[in-house]
Amino acid sequence: MSQSSGFYNSSTLKSNKSLNSSLRVPVLVATRRITLRLIHHSCHPSWLKVHLKLFMLISFPSLYLFTSANRWPLVFYFVCVVVFSSFLVFSCNLALPRLSSFRVLFARTLCVIGYSKANSVCKGNRPVVWSIGSKPKTEKAKLDSGSFVRVYSNGDVYEGEFHKGKCSGSGVYYYHMSGRYEGDWVDEKYDGYGIETWAKGSRYRGQYRKGLRHGVGVYRSYAGDVYAGEWCSGQCHGCGSHTCADGSSYVGEFKWGVKHGLGHYHFRNGDRYAGEYFADNMHGFGVYTFGNGHRYEGAWHEGRRQGLGMYTFRNGDSQSGHWQNGALNVPSTDGKLSRSPSMVDHSKVLAAVQEARRVAEKAAGVSPIDERVDRAISAANKAATSARVAAVKAVQNRLHQNKNNDFSVPTPLV
């Protein structure tokens, strides 16, 4: 009987131990899962807005009991956790009413380990912006379209109209210490009609395209030279007239900034030339009339008499033949001596003279395009007036917005 009772007691003890162990294992597993889940959710930035006081205080005794070597009944575990946690909560509420500072410290710790949303907390408190209604538009959006003032980093200033953040419409552009432009704009470039004035006194009035003089316009330099005519990609190109400050003038064709084609030139000493030009030089056939009455008719090469031609003096005498570098080197003769190898057939010279007269007559017929130039000047003046009005409006808008403290001065652009 004693053996059976001993056996019963030992079996009972073993069953109780197994029961306790079987009950403790799921509880521990569940507690660990809850703890891990709480730790996982506590790392979320939204939990930073909630007091972490209760979570941290409950975690301390739980961790202590889990790591303890003693094995206590389950009820004792539960009672200890509740009592210990309640005591710590009550004590901290009395002694540490501002435990939220621990939350900020914990949030900054999360920033260090790489949580992007909590990163904004680490940078410190930002100023609070109060607004009613929708989110205020940024400065870039305000500069999208309308009349504004833009200041560039190099000192240039634009006052006028914008479209989609770019200078478009009418406006005035002031170059720092060098001049200004008043007129039409398209996509950040001069386009249309306008007036460009430089600090030294030079001025252009006329048409533009993609930021360059293109079309019809008048350019007057500070030295007194004037060109009125057609332009292409910023250079004199087409028909036009060029009047120099010394009194000489040219009316005819231009190509990429130089005299090229047919034209007639009046020199300041009274000489006149009508004929062909090539690369800004008399080249081809033409007639040159001197101020003293002498005249040359024939071929030219790079500004000099060269080829077949005739020089006629004012008293009626003449020299004809082949010319080289401005001087007669092979004279012509009549039919009797035409077979001489050292002579030039006079008929060929007369043919060259006729060709020179024909070209000179055609060159003299090239007239300046005064009517088109006048229309371009009138349109440029109107465009400049509109640009000034737009500039005044832009400045007024800037002053009004600065007065209301609603708009800051635009940031200089590179």
Protein backbone atom coordinates (compact mmCIF):
# COMPACT_ATOMS: atom_id res chain seq x y z
CA MET A 1 0.00 0.00 0.00
CA SER A 2 2.82 2.33 0.78
CA GLN A 3 4.40 1.56 -2.52
CA SER A 4 1.19 2.24 -4.34
CA SER A 5 0.68 5.47 -2.50
CA GLY A 6 4.24 6.50 -3.26
CA PHE A 7 3.73 5.61 -6.82
CA TYR A 8 0.50 7.61 -6.80
CA ASN A 9 2.20 10.62 -5.27
CA SER A 10 5.07 10.52 -7.73
CA SER A 11 2.71 10.12 -10.66
CA THR A 12 0.58 12.96 -9.37
CA LEU A 13 3.61 15.20 -9.07
CA LYS A 14 4.73 14.28 -12.57
CA SER A 15 1.28 14.98 -13.96
CA ASN A 16 1.14 18.33 -12.20
CA LYS A 17 4.56 19.22 -13.57
CA SER A 18 3.58 18.16 -17.05
CA LEU A 19 0.33 20.11 -16.73
CA ASN A 20 2.16 23.20 -15.58
CA SER A 21 4.70 22.87 -18.35
CA SER A 22 1.98 22.26 -20.92
CA LEU A 23 0.10 25.35 -19.74
CA ARG A 24 3.22 27.50 -19.48
CA VAL A 25 4.46 26.79 -23.01
CA PRO A 26 1.44 28.18 -24.92
CA VAL A 27 1.28 31.15 -22.55
CA LEU A 28 4.92 31.93 -23.13
CA VAL A 29 4.51 31.52 -26.86
CA ALA A 30 1.45 33.79 -26.90
CA THR A 31 3.16 36.37 -24.71
CA ARG A 32 6.23 36.39 -26.90
CA ARG A 33 4.09 36.80 -30.00
CA ILE A 34 2.24 39.70 -28.42
CA THR A 35 5.52 41.26 -27.33
CA LEU A 36 7.06 40.91 -30.77
CA ARG A 37 3.95 42.33 -32.39
CA LEU A 38 3.93 45.27 -30.00
CA ILE A 39 7.60 45.92 -30.74
CA HIS A 40 6.90 45.72 -34.45
CA HIS A 41 4.00 48.16 -34.27
CA SER A 42 5.85 50.46 -31.92
CA CYS A 43 8.44 51.03 -34.66
CA HIS A 44 5.71 52.43 -36.90
CA PRO A 45 5.79 56.26 -36.98
CA SER A 46 2.07 56.53 -36.17
CA TRP A 47 2.75 54.97 -32.74
CA LEU A 48 5.05 57.88 -31.98
CA LYS A 49 1.97 60.05 -31.62
CA VAL A 50 0.61 57.75 -28.86
CA HIS A 51 2.06 57.69 -25.37
CA LEU A 52 4.55 54.84 -25.13
CA LYS A 53 4.44 55.02 -21.39
CA LEU A 54 2.17 52.02 -20.77
CA PHE A 55 3.89 49.85 -23.35
CA MET A 56 7.39 50.43 -21.97
CA LEU A 57 6.37 50.01 -18.33
CA ILE A 58 4.56 46.74 -18.96
CA SER A 59 7.50 45.47 -20.98
CA PHE A 60 10.00 45.90 -18.14
CA PRO A 61 8.37 43.52 -15.64
CA SER A 62 7.47 41.07 -18.38
CA LEU A 63 11.04 40.90 -19.51
CA TYR A 64 12.18 40.48 -15.95
CA LEU A 65 9.84 37.56 -15.32
CA PHE A 66 10.74 35.86 -18.60
CA THR A 67 14.43 36.05 -17.83
CA SER A 68 14.06 35.00 -14.20
CA ALA A 69 15.42 31.56 -13.31
CA ASN A 70 12.66 30.81 -10.76
CA ARG A 71 9.61 28.88 -11.87
CA TRP A 72 6.43 30.33 -10.34
CA PRO A 73 2.80 29.41 -10.91
CA LEU A 74 0.96 31.11 -13.72
CA VAL A 75 -1.34 33.03 -11.38
CA PHE A 76 1.64 34.47 -9.59
CA TYR A 77 3.07 35.64 -12.91
CA PHE A 78 -0.12 37.41 -13.76
CA VAL A 79 -0.55 39.06 -10.37
CA CYS A 80 3.04 40.25 -10.34
CA VAL A 81 2.73 41.78 -13.78
CA VAL A 82 -0.46 43.66 -12.90
CA VAL A 83 0.72 44.87 -9.51
CA PHE A 84 4.18 45.85 -10.64
CA SER A 85 2.93 47.64 -13.72
CA SER A 86 0.24 49.51 -11.81
CA PHE A 87 2.77 50.60 -9.22
CA LEU A 88 5.19 51.87 -11.89
CA VAL A 89 2.46 53.67 -13.80
CA PHE A 90 1.26 55.40 -10.65
CA SER A 91 4.80 56.32 -9.63
CA CYS A 92 5.73 57.68 -13.05
CA ASN A 93 2.58 59.76 -13.24
CA LEU A 94 3.55 61.40 -9.99
CA ALA A 95 7.27 61.75 -10.55
CA LEU A 96 7.60 62.03 -14.33
CA PRO A 97 4.62 63.95 -15.71
CA ARG A 98 6.57 64.75 -18.85
CA LEU A 99 7.58 61.32 -19.96
CA SER A 100 6.78 62.32 -23.54
CA SER A 101 10.37 63.51 -23.89
CA PHE A 102 11.33 59.83 -23.82
CA ARG A 103 9.12 59.36 -26.85
CA VAL A 104 11.06 62.02 -28.77
CA LEU A 105 14.33 60.35 -27.79
CA PHE A 106 12.99 57.02 -28.99
CA ALA A 107 11.82 58.59 -32.24
CA ARG A 108 15.27 60.02 -32.87
CA THR A 109 16.74 56.61 -32.23
CA LEU A 110 14.46 55.19 -34.90
CA CYS A 111 15.68 57.86 -37.31
CA VAL A 112 19.24 56.69 -36.86
CA ILE A 113 18.37 53.12 -37.79
CA GLY A 114 16.74 54.26 -41.01
CA TYR A 115 13.03 54.91 -40.71
CA SER A 116 12.29 57.47 -43.42
CA LYS A 117 9.04 58.83 -42.05
CA ALA A 118 10.47 59.39 -38.59
CA ASN A 119 13.39 61.17 -40.25
CA SER A 120 11.40 64.38 -40.33
CA VAL A 121 11.15 64.31 -36.53
CA CYS A 122 14.94 64.14 -36.23
CA LYS A 123 15.43 67.37 -38.14
CA GLY A 124 13.84 69.38 -35.38
CA ASN A 125 10.60 71.26 -35.12
CA ARG A 126 9.60 73.11 -38.27
CA PRO A 127 7.56 76.33 -38.18
CA VAL A 128 3.84 75.77 -38.34
CA VAL A 129 2.13 77.34 -41.36
CA TRP A 130 -1.54 78.11 -40.87
CA SER A 131 -3.73 78.38 -43.94
CA ILE A 132 -7.41 78.38 -44.77
CA GLY A 133 -8.61 76.53 -47.83
CA SER A 134 -6.41 74.71 -50.30
CA LYS A 135 -2.64 74.42 -50.05
CA PRO A 136 -0.93 77.69 -50.99
CA LYS A 137 0.71 77.68 -54.40
CA THR A 138 4.47 77.86 -54.59
CA GLU A 139 6.43 80.76 -56.00
CA LYS A 140 7.06 78.85 -59.22
CA ALA A 141 3.34 78.38 -59.72
CA LYS A 142 2.76 82.08 -59.16
CA LEU A 143 5.33 82.88 -61.80
CA ASP A 144 3.62 80.53 -64.21
CA SER A 145 1.57 83.08 -66.17
CA GLY A 146 0.92 86.77 -65.79
CA SER A 147 3.01 89.93 -65.39
CA PHE A 148 5.96 89.63 -63.05
CA VAL A 149 9.54 90.75 -62.44
CA ARG A 150 12.42 88.31 -62.73
CA VAL A 151 15.93 89.13 -61.50
CA TYR A 152 18.85 87.10 -62.85
CA SER A 153 22.07 86.27 -61.05
CA ASN A 154 24.18 88.29 -63.52
CA GLY A 155 22.24 91.47 -62.76
CA ASP A 156 19.83 91.37 -65.69
CA VAL A 157 16.15 92.11 -65.03
CA TYR A 158 13.04 91.18 -66.98
CA GLU A 159 9.76 93.02 -66.43
CA GLY A 160 6.77 91.82 -68.36
CA GLU A 161 4.52 88.93 -69.23
CA PHE A 162 5.10 85.23 -68.58
CA HIS A 163 3.49 82.13 -69.98
CA LYS A 164 4.13 78.74 -68.40
CA GLY A 165 7.04 80.17 -66.47
CA LYS A 166 8.80 81.63 -69.51
CA CYS A 167 9.10 85.16 -70.89
CA SER A 168 6.31 85.31 -73.46
CA GLY A 169 4.20 88.22 -74.65
CA SER A 170 5.35 91.80 -74.12
CA GLY A 171 8.15 92.82 -71.82
CA VAL A 172 11.31 94.80 -71.19
CA TYR A 173 14.66 93.11 -70.59
CA TYR A 174 17.39 95.21 -68.95
CA TYR A 175 20.94 94.07 -69.53
CA HIS A 176 23.22 94.85 -66.63
CA MET A 177 25.19 97.96 -67.58
CA SER A 178 24.82 97.31 -71.31
CA GLY A 179 21.33 98.11 -72.63
CA ARG A 180 17.76 96.89 -72.89
CA TYR A 181 15.20 95.28 -75.18
CA GLU A 182 11.55 96.33 -75.46
CA GLY A 183 9.16 94.27 -77.51
CA ASP A 184 7.64 90.88 -78.18
CA TRP A 185 8.73 87.60 -76.60
CA VAL A 186 8.09 83.96 -77.39
CA ASP A 187 9.51 81.17 -75.26
CA GLU A 188 12.27 83.20 -73.56
CA LYS A 189 13.48 84.77 -76.83
CA TYR A 190 12.90 87.92 -78.87
CA ASP A 191 10.27 87.07 -81.43
CA GLY A 192 8.12 89.55 -83.32
CA TYR A 193 8.76 93.30 -83.29
CA GLY A 194 10.86 95.25 -80.85
CA ILE A 195 13.49 97.86 -80.11
CA GLU A 196 16.94 97.01 -78.81
CA THR A 197 19.10 99.77 -77.35
CA TRP A 198 22.72 99.48 -76.23
CA ALA A 199 24.48 101.54 -73.59
CA LYS A 200 26.84 103.21 -76.06
CA GLY A 201 23.93 104.48 -78.16
CA SER A 202 23.45 101.83 -80.84
CA ARG A 203 19.84 100.94 -81.62
CA TYR A 204 17.83 98.47 -83.66
CA ARG A 205 14.15 98.68 -84.52
CA GLY A 206 12.44 95.95 -86.45
CA GLN A 207 11.66 92.26 -86.58
CA TYR A 208 13.07 89.35 -84.59
CA ARG A 209 12.85 85.61 -84.76
CA LYS A 210 14.10 83.21 -82.08
CA GLY A 211 16.22 85.87 -80.43
CA LEU A 212 17.92 87.19 -83.59
CA ARG A 213 17.26 90.08 -85.95
CA HIS A 214 15.26 88.51 -88.73
CA GLY A 215 12.98 90.17 -91.27
CA VAL A 216 13.06 93.91 -91.87
CA GLY A 217 14.63 96.46 -89.56
CA VAL A 218 16.91 99.43 -89.05
CA TYR A 219 20.20 99.36 -87.17
CA ARG A 220 21.92 102.60 -86.18
CA SER A 221 25.35 102.28 -84.57
CA TYR A 222 26.74 104.71 -82.02
CA ALA A 223 29.34 105.75 -84.64
CA GLY A 224 26.61 106.95 -87.01
CA ASP A 225 26.40 104.08 -89.52
CA VAL A 226 22.87 103.06 -90.50
CA TYR A 227 21.61 99.91 -92.16
CA ALA A 228 17.99 99.65 -93.23
CA GLY A 229 16.78 96.55 -94.96
CA GLU A 230 16.39 92.82 -94.70
CA TRP A 231 17.92 90.61 -92.03
CA CYS A 232 18.41 86.89 -91.62
CA SER A 233 19.62 85.15 -88.45
CA GLY A 234 21.05 88.34 -87.02
CA GLN A 235 22.94 89.53 -90.13
CA CYS A 236 22.25 91.82 -93.08
CA HIS A 237 20.90 89.55 -95.75
CA GLY A 238 18.86 90.52 -98.80
CA CYS A 239 18.15 94.02 -100.08
CA GLY A 240 19.09 97.03 -98.03
CA SER A 241 20.90 100.32 -97.77
CA HIS A 242 24.00 101.09 -95.75
CA THR A 243 24.85 104.70 -94.98
CA CYS A 244 28.18 105.42 -93.30
CA ALA A 245 28.97 108.26 -90.93
CA ASP A 246 31.46 109.74 -93.44
CA GLY A 247 28.68 110.28 -96.00
CA SER A 248 29.26 107.28 -98.25
CA SER A 249 26.34 104.99 -98.97
CA TYR A 250 25.51 101.68 -100.59
CA VAL A 251 22.19 100.42 -101.90
CA GLY A 252 21.94 96.87 -103.11
CA GLU A 253 22.17 93.26 -102.12
CA PHE A 254 23.76 91.76 -99.03
CA LYS A 255 24.67 88.23 -98.09
CA TRP A 256 25.42 87.26 -94.49
CA GLY A 257 26.52 90.71 -93.45
CA VAL A 258 28.55 91.84 -96.47
CA LYS A 259 27.86 93.41 -99.85
CA HIS A 260 27.23 90.61 -102.31
CA GLY A 261 25.36 90.73 -105.60
CA LEU A 262 24.19 93.83 -107.45
CA GLY A 263 24.46 97.29 -105.96
CA HIS A 264 25.63 100.86 -106.36
CA TYR A 265 27.99 102.69 -104.03
CA HIS A 266 28.48 106.44 -103.57
CA PHE A 267 31.83 107.33 -102.06
CA ARG A 268 32.36 110.40 -99.90
CA ASN A 269 34.79 111.92 -102.44
CA GLY A 270 32.12 111.86 -105.15
CA ASP A 271 33.11 108.61 -106.89
CA ARG A 272 30.35 106.16 -107.82
CA TYR A 273 30.32 102.48 -108.66
CA ALA A 274 27.46 100.42 -110.04
CA GLY A 275 27.90 96.75 -110.72
CA GLU A 276 28.59 93.41 -109.15
CA TYR A 277 29.93 92.68 -105.67
CA PHE A 278 31.40 89.54 -104.23
CA ALA A 279 32.33 89.15 -100.54
CA ASP A 280 32.17 92.92 -99.91
CA ASN A 281 34.42 93.77 -102.90
CA MET A 282 33.82 95.03 -106.43
CA HIS A 283 34.03 91.81 -108.37
CA GLY A 284 32.63 90.95 -111.80
CA PHE A 285 31.46 93.60 -114.26
CA GLY A 286 30.70 97.20 -113.40
CA VAL A 287 31.13 100.88 -114.14
CA TYR A 288 33.19 103.16 -111.91
CA THR A 289 32.75 106.92 -112.38
CA PHE A 290 35.30 109.18 -110.72
CA GLY A 291 34.47 112.53 -109.23
CA ASN A 292 36.75 114.31 -111.71
CA GLY A 293 34.82 112.91 -114.71
CA HIS A 294 36.97 109.90 -115.60
CA ARG A 295 35.28 106.53 -116.02
CA TYR A 296 36.20 102.87 -116.14
CA GLU A 297 33.95 100.23 -117.70
CA GLY A 298 34.84 96.57 -117.63
CA ALA A 299 35.85 93.68 -115.42
CA TRP A 300 36.84 93.77 -111.75
CA HIS A 301 38.55 91.33 -109.42
CA GLU A 302 38.56 91.76 -105.62
CA GLY A 303 38.20 95.54 -105.80
CA ARG A 304 40.70 96.18 -108.60
CA ARG A 305 40.49 96.66 -112.36
CA GLN A 306 41.42 93.30 -113.80
CA GLY A 307 40.42 91.76 -117.11
CA LEU A 308 39.10 93.42 -120.24
CA GLY A 309 37.96 97.02 -119.91
CA MET A 310 38.15 100.62 -121.07
CA TYR A 311 39.27 103.72 -119.21
CA THR A 312 37.86 106.98 -120.60
CA PHE A 313 39.24 110.37 -119.60
CA ARG A 314 37.03 113.42 -119.23
CA ASN A 315 38.54 114.97 -122.37
CA GLY A 316 37.39 111.96 -124.43
CA ASP A 317 40.66 110.03 -124.68
CA SER A 318 40.58 106.36 -123.71
CA GLN A 319 42.75 103.36 -122.91
CA SER A 320 41.46 99.85 -123.47
CA GLY A 321 42.80 96.34 -123.27
CA HIS A 322 43.60 93.86 -120.56
CA TRP A 323 44.10 95.21 -117.04
CA GLN A 324 46.10 93.61 -114.23
CA ASN A 325 45.99 94.77 -110.59
CA GLY A 326 44.47 98.12 -111.62
CA ALA A 327 46.92 98.91 -114.43
CA LEU A 328 46.78 98.38 -118.19
CA ASN A 329 49.29 95.70 -119.15
CA VAL A 330 48.08 94.63 -122.65
CA PRO A 331 46.50 97.34 -124.81
CA SER A 332 43.93 96.61 -127.46
CA THR A 333 44.20 97.43 -131.16
CA ASP A 334 41.99 97.68 -134.22
CA GLY A 335 41.45 94.90 -136.79
CA LYS A 336 44.65 95.56 -138.74
CA LEU A 337 46.91 94.44 -135.90
CA SER A 338 44.52 92.04 -134.21
CA ARG A 339 46.66 89.03 -135.04
CA SER A 340 49.60 90.34 -132.99
CA PRO A 341 50.15 88.09 -129.94
CA SER A 342 50.98 91.14 -127.78
CA MET A 343 47.69 92.87 -128.55
CA VAL A 344 44.06 92.29 -127.45
CA ASP A 345 41.23 92.29 -129.94
CA HIS A 346 39.33 95.54 -129.50
CA SER A 347 36.01 93.86 -130.23
CA LYS A 348 36.41 91.72 -127.13
CA VAL A 349 37.05 94.84 -125.10
CA LEU A 350 33.88 96.45 -126.49
CA ALA A 351 31.91 93.32 -125.58
CA ALA A 352 33.20 93.55 -122.00
CA VAL A 353 32.29 97.25 -121.89
CA GLN A 354 28.74 96.51 -123.05
CA GLU A 355 28.37 93.83 -120.41
CA ALA A 356 29.63 96.23 -117.75
CA ARG A 357 27.10 98.91 -118.79
CA ARG A 358 24.26 96.39 -118.77
CA VAL A 359 25.15 95.18 -115.26
CA ALA A 360 25.59 98.77 -114.01
CA GLU A 361 22.16 99.75 -115.27
CA LYS A 362 20.64 96.76 -113.56
CA ALA A 363 22.51 97.51 -110.31
CA ALA A 364 21.39 101.13 -110.35
CA GLY A 365 17.81 99.90 -110.54
CA VAL A 366 18.05 98.26 -107.11
CA SER A 367 16.08 100.60 -104.88
CA PRO A 368 15.88 100.66 -101.10
CA ILE A 369 12.86 99.05 -99.52
CA ASP A 370 11.72 102.21 -97.76
CA GLU A 371 8.06 101.30 -97.46
CA ARG A 372 8.72 97.96 -95.82
CA VAL A 373 11.24 99.56 -93.51
CA ASP A 374 8.75 102.24 -92.45
CA ARG A 375 6.12 99.62 -91.68
CA ALA A 376 8.60 97.62 -89.63
CA ILE A 377 9.62 100.71 -87.64
CA SER A 378 5.99 101.55 -86.92
CA ALA A 379 5.28 98.01 -85.72
CA ALA A 380 8.43 98.01 -83.57
CA ASN A 381 7.41 101.27 -81.90
CA LYS A 382 3.98 99.85 -81.07
CA ALA A 383 5.50 96.67 -79.69
CA ALA A 384 7.93 98.67 -77.54
CA THR A 385 5.05 100.75 -76.15
CA SER A 386 3.12 97.60 -75.25
CA ALA A 387 6.25 96.19 -73.61
CA ARG A 388 6.64 99.29 -71.44
CA VAL A 389 3.01 99.03 -70.34
CA ALA A 390 3.52 95.37 -69.45
CA ALA A 391 6.68 96.27 -67.51
CA VAL A 392 4.83 98.90 -65.48
CA LYS A 393 2.10 96.37 -64.69
CA ALA A 394 4.70 93.81 -63.63
CA VAL A 395 6.37 96.28 -61.27
CA GLN A 396 3.01 97.28 -59.80
CA ASN A 397 2.14 93.64 -59.19
CA ARG A 398 5.44 93.10 -57.46
CA LEU A 399 4.98 96.13 -55.20
CA HIS A 400 1.42 95.13 -54.38
CA GLN A 401 2.37 91.56 -53.55
CA ASN A 402 5.34 92.63 -51.46
CA LYS A 403 3.13 95.07 -49.60
CA ASN A 404 0.69 92.31 -48.72
CA ASN A 405 3.60 90.06 -47.75
CA ASP A 406 2.11 87.51 -50.11
CA PHE A 407 4.89 87.21 -52.62
CA SER A 408 8.62 87.29 -52.18
CA VAL A 409 11.15 88.66 -54.62
CA PRO A 410 11.89 86.00 -57.26
CA THR A 411 15.01 84.01 -56.70
CA PRO A 412 17.78 84.97 -59.16
CA LEU A 413 18.13 82.47 -61.96
CA VAL A 414 21.38 81.21 -63.39
